[in-house]
């Protein structure tokens, strides 16, 4: 039985993108964007964990 990991792959790509944007905001010292992307990273980690647990149960 093959497990479809497409949703997890998309989640991880979004997380990597948020991290790259966060690092750019830190370099530019943009406090508002730093906070936005920090929160996006946290939410992305939570979503990746949730999706991973669902895949493990299958």
Protein backbone atom coordinates (compact mmCIF):
# COMPACT_ATOMS: atom_id res chain seq x y z
CA UNK A 1 0.00 0.00 0.00
CA UNK A 2 1.53 3.30 -1.12
CA UNK A 3 1.15 6.34 1.11
CA UNK A 4 0.50 9.65 -0.61
CA UNK A 5 2.95 12.18 0.85
CA UNK A 6 2.10 15.03 -1.52
CA UNK A 7 0.41 17.10 1.21
CA UNK A 8 3.43 16.66 3.50
CA UNK A 9 5.78 17.65 0.66
CA UNK A 10 3.75 20.82 0.02
CA UNK A 11 3.73 21.63 3.72
CA UNK A 12 7.51 21.24 3.97
CA UNK A 13 8.08 23.40 0.88
CA UNK A 14 5.88 26.13 2.38
CA UNK A 15 7.81 25.86 5.64
CA UNK A 16 11.14 26.21 3.83
CA UNK A 17 9.80 29.24 1.98
CA UNK A 18 8.62 30.86 5.21
CA UNK A 19 12.05 30.27 6.76
CA UNK A 20 13.80 31.87 3.77
CA UNK A 21 11.49 34.89 3.95
CA UNK A 22 12.03 35.14 7.71
CA UNK A 23 15.81 35.14 7.26
CA UNK A 24 15.49 37.87 4.63
CA UNK A 25 13.30 39.96 6.96
CA UNK A 26 15.88 39.56 9.75
CA UNK A 27 18.65 40.69 7.41
CA UNK A 28 16.59 43.72 6.39
CA UNK A 29 15.59 44.41 10.02
CA UNK A 30 11.88 44.47 9.15
CA UNK A 31 10.21 43.73 12.49
CA UNK A 32 6.70 43.37 11.07
CA UNK A 33 7.69 40.85 8.41
CA UNK A 34 9.89 39.02 10.95
CA UNK A 35 6.85 38.49 13.16
CA UNK A 36 4.62 37.46 10.26
CA UNK A 37 7.07 34.84 9.01
CA UNK A 38 7.94 33.68 12.54
CA UNK A 39 4.28 32.89 13.07
CA UNK A 40 4.11 31.21 9.65
CA UNK A 41 7.06 29.00 10.62
CA UNK A 42 5.36 27.98 13.86
CA UNK A 43 2.10 27.19 12.06
CA UNK A 44 4.01 25.29 9.38
CA UNK A 45 5.74 23.14 12.00
CA UNK A 46 2.41 22.38 13.65
CA UNK A 47 0.85 21.43 10.32
CA UNK A 48 3.84 19.27 9.32
CA UNK A 49 3.60 17.44 12.64
CA UNK A 50 -0.14 16.89 12.24
CA UNK A 51 0.21 15.60 8.67
CA UNK A 52 3.10 13.34 9.68
CA UNK A 53 1.09 11.80 12.51
CA UNK A 54 -1.83 11.17 10.17
CA UNK A 55 0.47 9.44 7.70
CA UNK A 56 1.98 7.29 10.45
CA UNK A 57 -1.47 6.09 11.49
CA UNK A 58 -2.13 4.78 7.97
